[in-house]
Amino acid sequence: MRSVRRGQHTSDVEVTNVSSHGMWVLLGERELFLSFEMFPWFRDAPVAKLLRLELPSPGHLYWPDLDIDLAVESIEHPERFPLVSRVRPNRALQRSGRRAARR
């Protein structure tokens, strides 16, 4: 069995560091930072699940253990992809859900 030459990348994408503020993803020659403030669904995930990252297609990242997929563009330009929904909640559905929970 032959080893990969020293200094050569073995993966097209990998998480290189995780801190309390976010994580760094190495994608080819680029390093991207995903802050937990901008991408909150990663904040409480175990590090082992953050590290398991796939590149199913160019420009698309997927964390299979978390069932999260992101376009690289949403990391590079998060202002184009707001996380806040502008749809108003349906109060009637919320009330019926509370009644069902009391039964």
N, C-alpha and C. Protein backbone atom coordinates (compact mmCIF):
# COMPACT_ATOMS: atom_id res chain seq x y z
N MET A 1 0.84 -1.17 0.00
CA MET A 1 0.00 0.00 0.00
C MET A 1 0.89 1.24 0.00
N ARG A 2 0.55 2.18 -0.87
CA ARG A 2 1.35 3.41 -0.95
C ARG A 2 0.65 4.54 -0.23
N SER A 3 1.41 5.31 0.47
CA SER A 3 0.88 6.48 1.16
C SER A 3 0.85 7.67 0.21
N VAL A 4 0.01 8.61 0.52
CA VAL A 4 -0.05 9.85 -0.26
C VAL A 4 1.22 10.65 0.03
N ARG A 5 1.73 11.28 -0.99
CA ARG A 5 2.93 12.08 -0.84
C ARG A 5 2.70 13.17 0.21
N ARG A 6 3.70 13.42 1.05
CA ARG A 6 3.61 14.40 2.11
C ARG A 6 3.25 15.78 1.54
N GLY A 7 2.30 16.46 2.20
CA GLY A 7 1.90 17.78 1.77
C GLY A 7 0.78 17.79 0.74
N GLN A 8 0.41 16.62 0.24
CA GLN A 8 -0.65 16.53 -0.76
C GLN A 8 -1.99 16.37 -0.05
N HIS A 9 -3.04 17.08 -0.55
CA HIS A 9 -4.36 16.97 0.04
C HIS A 9 -4.94 15.58 -0.19
N THR A 10 -5.57 15.03 0.84
CA THR A 10 -6.20 13.72 0.72
C THR A 10 -7.70 13.84 0.58
N SER A 11 -8.24 15.03 0.78
CA SER A 11 -9.68 15.24 0.73
C SER A 11 -9.96 16.55 0.00
N ASP A 12 -11.08 16.58 -0.72
CA ASP A 12 -11.49 17.82 -1.39
C ASP A 12 -12.06 18.82 -0.40
N VAL A 13 -12.58 18.32 0.70
CA VAL A 13 -13.19 19.18 1.72
C VAL A 13 -12.98 18.56 3.09
N GLU A 14 -12.68 19.42 4.08
CA GLU A 14 -12.57 18.93 5.45
C GLU A 14 -12.72 20.08 6.44
N VAL A 15 -13.21 19.74 7.61
CA VAL A 15 -13.28 20.70 8.71
C VAL A 15 -11.90 20.68 9.36
N THR A 16 -11.25 21.85 9.41
CA THR A 16 -9.88 21.91 9.92
C THR A 16 -9.80 22.38 11.36
N ASN A 17 -10.84 23.10 11.84
CA ASN A 17 -10.80 23.61 13.20
C ASN A 17 -12.22 23.92 13.65
N VAL A 18 -12.47 23.68 14.94
CA VAL A 18 -13.76 24.02 15.55
C VAL A 18 -13.45 24.79 16.82
N SER A 19 -14.12 25.94 16.99
CA SER A 19 -13.95 26.72 18.22
C SER A 19 -15.34 27.04 18.78
N SER A 20 -15.38 27.77 19.85
CA SER A 20 -16.66 28.15 20.42
C SER A 20 -17.40 29.18 19.56
N HIS A 21 -16.71 29.74 18.57
CA HIS A 21 -17.30 30.74 17.68
C HIS A 21 -17.77 30.19 16.34
N GLY A 22 -17.22 29.05 15.94
CA GLY A 22 -17.58 28.49 14.65
C GLY A 22 -16.58 27.44 14.20
N MET A 23 -16.60 27.16 12.90
CA MET A 23 -15.68 26.16 12.37
C MET A 23 -15.11 26.62 11.04
N TRP A 24 -13.92 26.10 10.73
CA TRP A 24 -13.23 26.40 9.49
C TRP A 24 -13.30 25.18 8.59
N VAL A 25 -13.64 25.42 7.33
CA VAL A 25 -13.74 24.35 6.35
C VAL A 25 -12.73 24.63 5.25
N LEU A 26 -11.89 23.65 4.96
CA LEU A 26 -10.94 23.75 3.87
C LEU A 26 -11.59 23.13 2.64
N LEU A 27 -11.78 23.94 1.62
CA LEU A 27 -12.42 23.52 0.38
C LEU A 27 -11.44 23.79 -0.75
N GLY A 28 -10.75 22.74 -1.18
CA GLY A 28 -9.69 22.92 -2.17
C GLY A 28 -8.61 23.80 -1.59
N GLU A 29 -8.37 24.94 -2.22
CA GLU A 29 -7.35 25.89 -1.75
C GLU A 29 -7.95 26.99 -0.89
N ARG A 30 -9.27 27.00 -0.70
CA ARG A 30 -9.94 28.05 0.07
C ARG A 30 -10.28 27.56 1.47
N GLU A 31 -10.21 28.48 2.43
CA GLU A 31 -10.64 28.17 3.78
C GLU A 31 -11.83 29.08 4.10
N LEU A 32 -12.93 28.47 4.49
CA LEU A 32 -14.17 29.18 4.78
C LEU A 32 -14.46 29.10 6.28
N PHE A 33 -14.98 30.19 6.84
CA PHE A 33 -15.36 30.19 8.25
C PHE A 33 -16.88 30.21 8.36
N LEU A 34 -17.43 29.29 9.11
CA LEU A 34 -18.87 29.23 9.38
C LEU A 34 -19.07 29.60 10.84
N SER A 35 -19.53 30.82 11.08
CA SER A 35 -19.75 31.23 12.47
C SER A 35 -21.05 30.58 12.97
N PHE A 36 -21.05 30.24 14.24
CA PHE A 36 -22.25 29.66 14.83
C PHE A 36 -23.36 30.70 14.93
N GLU A 37 -23.01 31.97 14.89
CA GLU A 37 -24.03 33.01 14.90
C GLU A 37 -24.79 33.02 13.57
N MET A 38 -24.08 32.86 12.47
CA MET A 38 -24.72 32.86 11.15
C MET A 38 -25.31 31.50 10.79
N PHE A 39 -24.74 30.43 11.32
CA PHE A 39 -25.18 29.06 11.02
C PHE A 39 -25.46 28.34 12.35
N PRO A 40 -26.53 28.73 13.05
CA PRO A 40 -26.77 28.26 14.42
C PRO A 40 -27.04 26.77 14.57
N TRP A 41 -27.45 26.08 13.51
CA TRP A 41 -27.78 24.66 13.65
C TRP A 41 -26.54 23.81 13.91
N PHE A 42 -25.34 24.38 13.74
CA PHE A 42 -24.11 23.64 14.03
C PHE A 42 -23.65 23.83 15.48
N ARG A 43 -24.17 24.84 16.18
CA ARG A 43 -23.66 25.26 17.49
C ARG A 43 -23.60 24.12 18.50
N ASP A 44 -24.65 23.34 18.64
CA ASP A 44 -24.70 22.31 19.68
C ASP A 44 -24.39 20.91 19.16
N ALA A 45 -23.94 20.83 17.92
CA ALA A 45 -23.63 19.52 17.34
C ALA A 45 -22.31 18.99 17.90
N PRO A 46 -22.23 17.70 18.14
CA PRO A 46 -20.96 17.11 18.58
C PRO A 46 -19.87 17.30 17.52
N VAL A 47 -18.66 17.50 17.96
CA VAL A 47 -17.55 17.73 17.03
C VAL A 47 -17.42 16.58 16.03
N ALA A 48 -17.60 15.36 16.47
CA ALA A 48 -17.48 14.22 15.56
C ALA A 48 -18.45 14.33 14.38
N LYS A 49 -19.63 14.87 14.63
CA LYS A 49 -20.61 15.03 13.54
C LYS A 49 -20.26 16.21 12.65
N LEU A 50 -19.63 17.24 13.21
CA LEU A 50 -19.18 18.37 12.39
C LEU A 50 -18.05 17.95 11.45
N LEU A 51 -17.20 17.05 11.92
CA LEU A 51 -16.04 16.64 11.14
C LEU A 51 -16.39 15.77 9.94
N ARG A 52 -17.52 15.10 10.01
CA ARG A 52 -17.93 14.22 8.89
C ARG A 52 -18.63 15.07 7.84
N LEU A 53 -17.87 15.49 6.85
CA LEU A 53 -18.33 16.44 5.84
C LEU A 53 -18.05 15.86 4.45
N GLU A 54 -19.01 16.03 3.56
CA GLU A 54 -18.88 15.52 2.19
C GLU A 54 -19.07 16.65 1.19
N LEU A 55 -18.55 16.43 0.01
CA LEU A 55 -18.70 17.35 -1.12
C LEU A 55 -19.40 16.58 -2.24
N PRO A 56 -20.74 16.50 -2.20
CA PRO A 56 -21.46 15.71 -3.19
C PRO A 56 -21.37 16.28 -4.61
N SER A 57 -21.20 17.58 -4.71
CA SER A 57 -21.01 18.23 -6.01
C SER A 57 -20.28 19.54 -5.78
N PRO A 58 -19.65 20.09 -6.80
CA PRO A 58 -18.94 21.36 -6.62
C PRO A 58 -19.91 22.44 -6.12
N GLY A 59 -19.49 23.16 -5.10
CA GLY A 59 -20.32 24.23 -4.56
C GLY A 59 -21.39 23.78 -3.60
N HIS A 60 -21.33 22.51 -3.16
CA HIS A 60 -22.37 21.96 -2.29
C HIS A 60 -21.71 21.12 -1.20
N LEU A 61 -21.94 21.48 0.07
CA LEU A 61 -21.40 20.76 1.22
C LEU A 61 -22.52 20.02 1.92
N TYR A 62 -22.20 18.84 2.48
CA TYR A 62 -23.21 18.03 3.15
C TYR A 62 -22.63 17.37 4.39
N TRP A 63 -23.31 17.55 5.53
CA TRP A 63 -22.98 16.89 6.78
C TRP A 63 -24.00 15.77 6.98
N PRO A 64 -23.70 14.53 6.60
CA PRO A 64 -24.69 13.44 6.65
C PRO A 64 -25.19 13.11 8.05
N ASP A 65 -24.35 13.21 9.06
CA ASP A 65 -24.80 12.88 10.42
C ASP A 65 -25.78 13.91 10.97
N LEU A 66 -25.76 15.11 10.40
CA LEU A 66 -26.65 16.18 10.84
C LEU A 66 -27.77 16.45 9.84
N ASP A 67 -27.69 15.81 8.68
CA ASP A 67 -28.62 16.02 7.57
C ASP A 67 -28.73 17.52 7.23
N ILE A 68 -27.56 18.15 7.11
CA ILE A 68 -27.48 19.57 6.75
C ILE A 68 -26.69 19.68 5.47
N ASP A 69 -27.27 20.38 4.50
CA ASP A 69 -26.51 20.68 3.29
C ASP A 69 -26.55 22.18 3.04
N LEU A 70 -25.43 22.70 2.55
CA LEU A 70 -25.28 24.12 2.31
C LEU A 70 -24.63 24.37 0.96
N ALA A 71 -25.08 25.40 0.30
CA ALA A 71 -24.38 25.88 -0.88
C ALA A 71 -23.19 26.69 -0.40
N VAL A 72 -22.05 26.52 -1.04
CA VAL A 72 -20.86 27.29 -0.69
C VAL A 72 -21.16 28.78 -0.79
N GLU A 73 -21.98 29.16 -1.73
CA GLU A 73 -22.36 30.56 -1.90
C GLU A 73 -23.02 31.11 -0.64
N SER A 74 -23.79 30.29 0.07
CA SER A 74 -24.45 30.77 1.30
C SER A 74 -23.44 31.02 2.41
N ILE A 75 -22.28 30.39 2.34
CA ILE A 75 -21.21 30.63 3.32
C ILE A 75 -20.44 31.89 2.93
N GLU A 76 -20.15 32.01 1.65
CA GLU A 76 -19.39 33.16 1.17
C GLU A 76 -20.21 34.45 1.19
N HIS A 77 -21.53 34.35 0.99
CA HIS A 77 -22.42 35.52 0.94
C HIS A 77 -23.67 35.26 1.77
N PRO A 78 -23.55 35.15 3.10
CA PRO A 78 -24.72 34.83 3.93
C PRO A 78 -25.81 35.90 3.87
N GLU A 79 -25.46 37.12 3.52
CA GLU A 79 -26.47 38.18 3.44
C GLU A 79 -27.50 37.90 2.34
N ARG A 80 -27.17 37.07 1.38
CA ARG A 80 -28.10 36.71 0.31
C ARG A 80 -29.09 35.63 0.74
N PHE A 81 -28.83 35.00 1.90
CA PHE A 81 -29.63 33.87 2.36
C PHE A 81 -30.07 34.11 3.80
N PRO A 82 -31.04 35.00 4.03
CA PRO A 82 -31.46 35.31 5.41
C PRO A 82 -32.08 34.09 6.09
N LEU A 83 -31.82 33.96 7.37
CA LEU A 83 -32.35 32.83 8.14
C LEU A 83 -33.71 33.13 8.75
N VAL A 84 -34.15 34.37 8.71
CA VAL A 84 -35.40 34.77 9.34
C VAL A 84 -36.53 34.68 8.34
N SER A 85 -37.55 33.94 8.70
CA SER A 85 -38.71 33.80 7.83
C SER A 85 -39.56 35.06 7.92
N ARG A 86 -40.09 35.47 6.79
CA ARG A 86 -40.98 36.63 6.77
C ARG A 86 -42.45 36.21 6.81
N VAL A 87 -42.70 34.92 6.91
CA VAL A 87 -44.06 34.40 6.96
C VAL A 87 -44.55 34.50 8.39
N ARG A 88 -45.78 34.98 8.57
CA ARG A 88 -46.37 35.07 9.90
C ARG A 88 -46.82 33.69 10.37
N PRO A 89 -46.67 33.39 11.66
CA PRO A 89 -47.14 32.10 12.17
C PRO A 89 -48.67 32.04 12.12
N ASN A 90 -49.21 30.86 11.88
CA ASN A 90 -50.65 30.64 11.86
C ASN A 90 -51.10 30.37 13.29
N ARG A 91 -51.71 31.36 13.92
CA ARG A 91 -52.13 31.25 15.33
C ARG A 91 -53.14 30.12 15.54
N ALA A 92 -54.01 29.90 14.58
CA ALA A 92 -55.02 28.84 14.72
C ALA A 92 -54.35 27.47 14.85
N LEU A 93 -53.31 27.24 14.07
CA LEU A 93 -52.60 25.96 14.15
C LEU A 93 -51.87 25.83 15.48
N GLN A 94 -51.32 26.92 15.98
CA GLN A 94 -50.62 26.87 17.26
C GLN A 94 -51.58 26.57 18.40
N ARG A 95 -52.79 27.17 18.38
CA ARG A 95 -53.77 26.91 19.44
C ARG A 95 -54.22 25.48 19.43
N SER A 96 -54.50 24.93 18.26
CA SER A 96 -54.97 23.55 18.21
C SER A 96 -53.89 22.59 18.68
N GLY A 97 -52.63 22.92 18.44
CA GLY A 97 -51.53 22.09 18.90
C GLY A 97 -51.43 22.08 20.42
N ARG A 98 -51.68 23.23 21.05
CA ARG A 98 -51.65 23.31 22.51
C ARG A 98 -52.78 22.52 23.13
N ARG A 99 -53.97 22.61 22.53
CA ARG A 99 -55.12 21.85 23.04
C ARG A 99 -54.84 20.35 22.96
N ALA A 100 -54.26 19.91 21.87
CA ALA A 100 -53.98 18.49 21.68
C ALA A 100 -52.96 18.03 22.72
N ALA A 101 -52.02 18.90 23.08
CA ALA A 101 -50.99 18.52 24.06
C ALA A 101 -51.58 18.37 25.47
N ARG A 102 -52.65 19.14 25.78
CA ARG A 102 -53.27 19.06 27.10
C ARG A 102 -54.07 17.79 27.29
N ARG A 103 -54.54 17.19 26.23
CA ARG A 103 -55.42 16.01 26.34
C ARG A 103 -54.71 14.81 26.81
